[in-house]
Amino acid sequence: MDTTYFGGEQYYFTAEIISGAFATGSGEEYTDPDRNRGTYQPIWVELDELFDMDVRPREIAEKIADE
């Protein structure tokens, strides 16, 4: 786990696939219709495409690319 600041302290994790099917979770980001915080649609992104996206905070994209 690492942290950065973007409107407050933000936490992020790097991960690797070990099993399962991506985006098939059952947490509140998928199931709570009253969450009212936008949508949650995870996608895999190739590293060479990462900087063409609006990643916020940008520091996260930079840290991911450096790993």
PDB file of N, CA and C in Angstrom:
ATOM      1  N   MET A   1       0.855  -1.171   0.000  1.00  0.00           N
ATOM      2  CA  MET A   1       0.000   0.000   0.000  1.00  0.00           C
ATOM      3  C   MET A   1       0.899   1.230   0.000  1.00  0.00           C
ATOM      4  N   ASP A   2       0.484   2.216  -0.735  1.00  0.00           N
ATOM      5  CA  ASP A   2       1.189   3.478  -0.775  1.00  0.00           C
ATOM      6  C   ASP A   2       0.160   4.590  -0.680  1.00  0.00           C
ATOM      7  N   THR A   3       0.605   5.800  -0.436  1.00  0.00           N
ATOM      8  CA  THR A   3      -0.317   6.924  -0.316  1.00  0.00           C
ATOM      9  C   THR A   3       0.133   8.083  -1.187  1.00  0.00           C
ATOM     10  N   THR A   4      -0.820   8.924  -1.531  1.00  0.00           N
ATOM     11  CA  THR A   4      -0.563  10.183  -2.207  1.00  0.00           C
ATOM     12  C   THR A   4      -1.642  11.152  -1.734  1.00  0.00           C
ATOM     13  N   TYR A   5      -1.520  12.407  -2.079  1.00  0.00           N
ATOM     14  CA  TYR A   5      -2.498  13.410  -1.655  1.00  0.00           C
ATOM     15  C   TYR A   5      -3.190  14.010  -2.869  1.00  0.00           C
ATOM     16  N   PHE A   6      -4.516  13.968  -2.866  1.00  0.00           N
ATOM     17  CA  PHE A   6      -5.340  14.511  -3.943  1.00  0.00           C
ATOM     18  C   PHE A   6      -6.698  14.797  -3.317  1.00  0.00           C
ATOM     19  N   GLY A   7      -6.887  16.017  -2.833  1.00  0.00           N
ATOM     20  CA  GLY A   7      -8.115  16.332  -2.104  1.00  0.00           C
ATOM     21  C   GLY A   7      -8.183  15.593  -0.781  1.00  0.00           C
ATOM     22  N   GLY A   8      -7.042  15.259  -0.237  1.00  0.00           N
ATOM     23  CA  GLY A   8      -6.944  14.468   0.983  1.00  0.00           C
ATOM     24  C   GLY A   8      -6.061  13.259   0.725  1.00  0.00           C
ATOM     25  N   GLU A   9      -5.791  12.507   1.757  1.00  0.00           N
ATOM     26  CA  GLU A   9      -4.921  11.349   1.602  1.00  0.00           C
ATOM     27  C   GLU A   9      -5.631  10.244   0.827  1.00  0.00           C
ATOM     28  N   GLN A  10      -4.977   9.722  -0.189  1.00  0.00           N
ATOM     29  CA  GLN A  10      -5.510   8.651  -1.035  1.00  0.00           C
ATOM     30  C   GLN A  10      -4.595   7.436  -0.913  1.00  0.00           C
ATOM     31  N   TYR A  11      -5.171   6.261  -0.884  1.00  0.00           N
ATOM     32  CA  TYR A  11      -4.404   5.021  -0.792  1.00  0.00           C
ATOM     33  C   TYR A  11      -4.524   4.271  -2.101  1.00  0.00           C
ATOM     34  N   TYR A  12      -3.457   3.621  -2.493  1.00  0.00           N
ATOM     35  CA  TYR A  12      -3.531   2.794  -3.689  1.00  0.00           C
ATOM     36  C   TYR A  12      -2.649   1.569  -3.508  1.00  0.00           C
ATOM     37  N   PHE A  13      -2.946   0.556  -4.295  1.00  0.00           N
ATOM     38  CA  PHE A  13      -2.243  -0.716  -4.228  1.00  0.00           C
ATOM     39  C   PHE A  13      -1.859  -1.129  -5.638  1.00  0.00           C
ATOM     40  N   THR A  14      -0.723  -1.760  -5.780  1.00  0.00           N
ATOM     41  CA  THR A  14      -0.423  -2.439  -7.033  1.00  0.00           C
ATOM     42  C   THR A  14      -0.742  -3.909  -6.801  1.00  0.00           C
ATOM     43  N   ALA A  15      -1.085  -4.605  -7.852  1.00  0.00           N
ATOM     44  CA  ALA A  15      -1.519  -5.990  -7.703  1.00  0.00           C
ATOM     45  C   ALA A  15      -1.148  -6.798  -8.931  1.00  0.00           C
ATOM     46  N   GLU A  16      -1.304  -8.084  -8.813  1.00  0.00           N
ATOM     47  CA  GLU A  16      -1.137  -8.964  -9.957  1.00  0.00           C
ATOM     48  C   GLU A  16      -2.269  -9.976  -9.953  1.00  0.00           C
ATOM     49  N   ILE A  17      -2.601 -10.476 -11.105  1.00  0.00           N
ATOM     50  CA  ILE A  17      -3.670 -11.470 -11.228  1.00  0.00           C
ATOM     51  C   ILE A  17      -3.117 -12.821 -10.786  1.00  0.00           C
ATOM     52  N   ILE A  18      -3.828 -13.464  -9.877  1.00  0.00           N
ATOM     53  CA  ILE A  18      -3.446 -14.825  -9.487  1.00  0.00           C
ATOM     54  C   ILE A  18      -4.575 -15.818  -9.760  1.00  0.00           C
ATOM     55  N   SER A  19      -5.821 -15.340  -9.795  1.00  0.00           N
ATOM     56  CA  SER A  19      -6.954 -16.200 -10.132  1.00  0.00           C
ATOM     57  C   SER A  19      -8.215 -15.352 -10.177  1.00  0.00           C
ATOM     58  N   GLY A  20      -9.314 -15.973 -10.570  1.00  0.00           N
ATOM     59  CA  GLY A  20     -10.598 -15.285 -10.570  1.00  0.00           C
ATOM     60  C   GLY A  20     -10.882 -14.581 -11.888  1.00  0.00           C
ATOM     61  N   ALA A  21     -12.033 -13.943 -11.931  1.00  0.00           N
ATOM     62  CA  ALA A  21     -12.470 -13.207 -13.119  1.00  0.00           C
ATOM     63  C   ALA A  21     -12.551 -11.728 -12.756  1.00  0.00           C
ATOM     64  N   PHE A  22     -11.878 -10.913 -13.494  1.00  0.00           N
ATOM     65  CA  PHE A  22     -11.797  -9.484 -13.231  1.00  0.00           C
ATOM     66  C   PHE A  22     -13.176  -8.838 -13.295  1.00  0.00           C
ATOM     67  N   ALA A  23     -13.460  -7.955 -12.328  1.00  0.00           N
ATOM     68  CA  ALA A  23     -14.689  -7.155 -12.268  1.00  0.00           C
ATOM     69  C   ALA A  23     -15.941  -7.974 -11.993  1.00  0.00           C
ATOM     70  N   THR A  24     -15.811  -9.040 -11.242  1.00  0.00           N
ATOM     71  CA  THR A  24     -16.981  -9.854 -10.899  1.00  0.00           C
ATOM     72  C   THR A  24     -17.272  -9.802  -9.404  1.00  0.00           C
ATOM     73  N   GLY A  25     -16.809  -8.751  -8.742  1.00  0.00           N
ATOM     74  CA  GLY A  25     -16.979  -8.621  -7.301  1.00  0.00           C
ATOM     75  C   GLY A  25     -18.425  -8.411  -6.885  1.00  0.00           C
ATOM     76  N   SER A  26     -18.641  -8.443  -5.592  1.00  0.00           N
ATOM     77  CA  SER A  26     -19.987  -8.250  -5.069  1.00  0.00           C
ATOM     78  C   SER A  26     -20.003  -7.173  -3.979  1.00  0.00           C
ATOM     79  N   GLY A  27     -19.000  -6.301  -3.954  1.00  0.00           N
ATOM     80  CA  GLY A  27     -18.943  -5.243  -2.961  1.00  0.00           C
ATOM     81  C   GLY A  27     -19.946  -4.135  -3.255  1.00  0.00           C
ATOM     82  N   GLU A  28     -20.039  -3.167  -2.333  1.00  0.00           N
ATOM     83  CA  GLU A  28     -21.039  -2.109  -2.470  1.00  0.00           C
ATOM     84  C   GLU A  28     -20.842  -1.272  -3.725  1.00  0.00           C
ATOM     85  N   GLU A  29     -19.623  -1.195  -4.242  1.00  0.00           N
ATOM     86  CA  GLU A  29     -19.415  -0.425  -5.458  1.00  0.00           C
ATOM     87  C   GLU A  29     -20.167  -1.029  -6.648  1.00  0.00           C
ATOM     88  N   TYR A  30     -20.535  -2.303  -6.533  1.00  0.00           N
ATOM     89  CA  TYR A  30     -21.322  -2.967  -7.573  1.00  0.00           C
ATOM     90  C   TYR A  30     -22.810  -3.058  -7.219  1.00  0.00           C
ATOM     91  N   THR A  31     -23.125  -3.171  -5.945  1.00  0.00           N
ATOM     92  CA  THR A  31     -24.476  -3.573  -5.563  1.00  0.00           C
ATOM     93  C   THR A  31     -25.341  -2.510  -4.901  1.00  0.00           C
ATOM     94  N   ASP A  32     -24.760  -1.429  -4.401  1.00  0.00           N
ATOM     95  CA  ASP A  32     -25.539  -0.432  -3.667  1.00  0.00           C
ATOM     96  C   ASP A  32     -26.090   0.630  -4.616  1.00  0.00           C
ATOM     97  N   PRO A  33     -27.389   0.582  -4.949  1.00  0.00           N
ATOM     98  CA  PRO A  33     -27.956   1.550  -5.893  1.00  0.00           C
ATOM     99  C   PRO A  33     -28.026   2.966  -5.321  1.00  0.00           C
ATOM    100  N   ASP A  34     -27.922   3.114  -4.016  1.00  0.00           N
ATOM    101  CA  ASP A  34     -27.995   4.434  -3.391  1.00  0.00           C
ATOM    102  C   ASP A  34     -26.619   5.017  -3.082  1.00  0.00           C
ATOM    103  N   ARG A  35     -25.591   4.402  -3.570  1.00  0.00           N
ATOM    104  CA  ARG A  35     -24.222   4.842  -3.277  1.00  0.00           C
ATOM    105  C   ARG A  35     -23.967   6.252  -3.790  1.00  0.00           C
ATOM    106  N   ASN A  36     -24.538   6.605  -4.940  1.00  0.00           N
ATOM    107  CA  ASN A  36     -24.501   7.952  -5.506  1.00  0.00           C
ATOM    108  C   ASN A  36     -23.070   8.505  -5.598  1.00  0.00           C
ATOM    109  N   ARG A  37     -22.156   7.678  -6.081  1.00  0.00           N
ATOM    110  CA  ARG A  37     -20.774   8.118  -6.233  1.00  0.00           C
ATOM    111  C   ARG A  37     -20.242   7.765  -7.607  1.00  0.00           C
ATOM    112  N   GLY A  38     -21.070   7.825  -8.609  1.00  0.00           N
ATOM    113  CA  GLY A  38     -20.619   7.481  -9.950  1.00  0.00           C
ATOM    114  C   GLY A  38     -20.665   5.985 -10.174  1.00  0.00           C
ATOM    115  N   THR A  39     -20.000   5.560 -11.206  1.00  0.00           N
ATOM    116  CA  THR A  39     -19.982   4.143 -11.541  1.00  0.00           C
ATOM    117  C   THR A  39     -18.608   3.568 -11.268  1.00  0.00           C
ATOM    118  N   TYR A  40     -18.569   2.279 -11.186  1.00  0.00           N
ATOM    119  CA  TYR A  40     -17.325   1.559 -10.954  1.00  0.00           C
ATOM    120  C   TYR A  40     -17.165   0.590 -12.096  1.00  0.00           C
ATOM    121  N   GLN A  41     -16.300   0.919 -13.020  1.00  0.00           N
ATOM    122  CA  GLN A  41     -16.083   0.051 -14.166  1.00  0.00           C
ATOM    123  C   GLN A  41     -14.579  -0.152 -14.337  1.00  0.00           C
ATOM    124  N   PRO A  42     -14.039  -1.186 -13.689  1.00  0.00           N
ATOM    125  CA  PRO A  42     -12.599  -1.425 -13.793  1.00  0.00           C
ATOM    126  C   PRO A  42     -12.218  -1.886 -15.198  1.00  0.00           C
ATOM    127  N   ILE A  43     -11.063  -1.458 -15.634  1.00  0.00           N
ATOM    128  CA  ILE A  43     -10.544  -1.882 -16.937  1.00  0.00           C
ATOM    129  C   ILE A  43      -9.045  -2.121 -16.809  1.00  0.00           C
ATOM    130  N   TRP A  44      -8.535  -3.036 -17.606  1.00  0.00           N
ATOM    131  CA  TRP A  44      -7.090  -3.230 -17.702  1.00  0.00           C
ATOM    132  C   TRP A  44      -6.569  -2.258 -18.738  1.00  0.00           C
ATOM    133  N   VAL A  45      -5.447  -1.646 -18.448  1.00  0.00           N
ATOM    134  CA  VAL A  45      -4.843  -0.671 -19.353  1.00  0.00           C
ATOM    135  C   VAL A  45      -3.392  -1.054 -19.575  1.00  0.00           C
ATOM    136  N   GLU A  46      -2.984  -1.098 -20.821  1.00  0.00           N
ATOM    137  CA  GLU A  46      -1.579  -1.336 -21.121  1.00  0.00           C
ATOM    138  C   GLU A  46      -0.766  -0.141 -20.647  1.00  0.00           C
ATOM    139  N   LEU A  47       0.423  -0.387 -20.132  1.00  0.00           N
ATOM    140  CA  LEU A  47       1.236   0.708 -19.594  1.00  0.00           C
ATOM    141  C   LEU A  47       1.502   1.795 -20.633  1.00  0.00           C
ATOM    142  N   ASP A  48       1.696   1.413 -21.887  1.00  0.00           N
ATOM    143  CA  ASP A  48       1.980   2.435 -22.900  1.00  0.00           C
ATOM    144  C   ASP A  48       0.757   3.298 -23.215  1.00  0.00           C
ATOM    145  N   GLU A  49      -0.432   2.917 -22.743  1.00  0.00           N
ATOM    146  CA  GLU A  49      -1.649   3.717 -22.940  1.00  0.00           C
ATOM    147  C   GLU A  49      -2.010   4.540 -21.697  1.00  0.00           C
ATOM    148  N   LEU A  50      -1.349   4.271 -20.588  1.00  0.00           N
ATOM    149  CA  LEU A  50      -1.705   4.873 -19.312  1.00  0.00           C
ATOM    150  C   LEU A  50      -1.651   6.394 -19.332  1.00  0.00           C
ATOM    151  N   PHE A  51      -0.647   6.960 -19.979  1.00  0.00           N
ATOM    152  CA  PHE A  51      -0.481   8.412 -19.965  1.00  0.00           C
ATOM    153  C   PHE A  51      -1.391   9.133 -20.959  1.00  0.00           C
ATOM    154  N   ASP A  52      -2.112   8.376 -21.772  1.00  0.00           N
ATOM    155  CA  ASP A  52      -3.114   8.970 -22.664  1.00  0.00           C
ATOM    156  C   ASP A  52      -4.459   9.104 -21.964  1.00  0.00           C
ATOM    157  N   MET A  53      -4.557   8.591 -20.749  1.00  0.00           N
ATOM    158  CA  MET A  53      -5.811   8.603 -19.998  1.00  0.00           C
ATOM    159  C   MET A  53      -5.792   9.703 -18.941  1.00  0.00           C
ATOM    160  N   ASP A  54      -6.972  10.092 -18.487  1.00  0.00           N
ATOM    161  CA  ASP A  54      -7.108  11.117 -17.454  1.00  0.00           C
ATOM    162  C   ASP A  54      -7.037  10.453 -16.080  1.00  0.00           C
ATOM    163  N   VAL A  55      -5.845  10.025 -15.692  1.00  0.00           N
ATOM    164  CA  VAL A  55      -5.640   9.376 -14.397  1.00  0.00           C
ATOM    165  C   VAL A  55      -5.460  10.464 -13.347  1.00  0.00           C
ATOM    166  N   ARG A  56      -6.230  10.369 -12.271  1.00  0.00           N
ATOM    167  CA  ARG A  56      -6.143  11.362 -11.201  1.00  0.00           C
ATOM    168  C   ARG A  56      -5.945  10.680  -9.866  1.00  0.00           C
ATOM    169  N   PRO A  57      -4.983  11.058  -9.103  1.00  0.00           N
ATOM    170  CA  PRO A  57      -3.945  12.015  -9.412  1.00  0.00           C
ATOM    171  C   PRO A  57      -2.916  11.436 -10.385  1.00  0.00           C
ATOM    172  N   ARG A  58      -2.320  12.271 -11.164  1.00  0.00           N
ATOM    173  CA  ARG A  58      -1.349  11.864 -12.180  1.00  0.00           C
ATOM    174  C   ARG A  58      -0.184  11.103 -11.552  1.00  0.00           C
ATOM    175  N   GLU A  59       0.128  11.446 -10.326  1.00  0.00           N
ATOM    176  CA  GLU A  59       1.222  10.793  -9.618  1.00  0.00           C
ATOM    177  C   GLU A  59       1.028   9.276  -9.567  1.00  0.00           C
ATOM    178  N   ILE A  60      -0.203   8.810  -9.515  1.00  0.00           N
ATOM    179  CA  ILE A  60      -0.466   7.373  -9.489  1.00  0.00           C
ATOM    180  C   ILE A  60       0.010   6.726 -10.785  1.00  0.00           C
ATOM    181  N   ALA A  61      -0.318   7.324 -11.920  1.00  0.00           N
ATOM    182  CA  ALA A  61       0.134   6.787 -13.208  1.00  0.00           C
ATOM    183  C   ALA A  61       1.643   6.736 -13.257  1.00  0.00           C
ATOM    184  N   GLU A  62       2.295   7.765 -12.754  1.00  0.00           N
ATOM    185  CA  GLU A  62       3.764   7.816 -12.765  1.00  0.00           C
ATOM    186  C   GLU A  62       4.350   6.722 -11.891  1.00  0.00           C
ATOM    187  N   LYS A  63       3.783   6.505 -10.717  1.00  0.00           N
ATOM    188  CA  LYS A  63       4.284   5.463  -9.821  1.00  0.00           C
ATOM    189  C   LYS A  63       4.065   4.073 -10.403  1.00  0.00           C
ATOM    190  N   ILE A  64       2.917   3.850 -11.025  1.00  0.00           N
ATOM    191  CA  ILE A  64       2.650   2.553 -11.632  1.00  0.00           C
ATOM    192  C   ILE A  64       3.642   2.287 -12.767  1.00  0.00           C
ATOM    193  N   ALA A  65       3.904   3.277 -13.584  1.00  0.00           N
ATOM    194  CA  ALA A  65       4.824   3.116 -14.708  1.00  0.00           C
ATOM    195  C   ALA A  65       6.253   2.853 -14.241  1.00  0.00           C
ATOM    196  N   ASP A  66       6.605   3.350 -13.064  1.00  0.00           N
ATOM    197  CA  ASP A  66       7.961   3.174 -12.544  1.00  0.00           C
ATOM    198  C   ASP A  66       8.189   1.800 -11.926  1.00  0.00           C
ATOM    199  N   GLU A  67       7.129   1.055 -11.652  1.00  0.00           N
ATOM    200  CA  GLU A  67       7.288  -0.241 -10.976  1.00  0.00           C
ATOM    201  C   GLU A  67       7.630  -1.346 -11.926  1.00  0.00           C
TER     202      GLU A  67
END
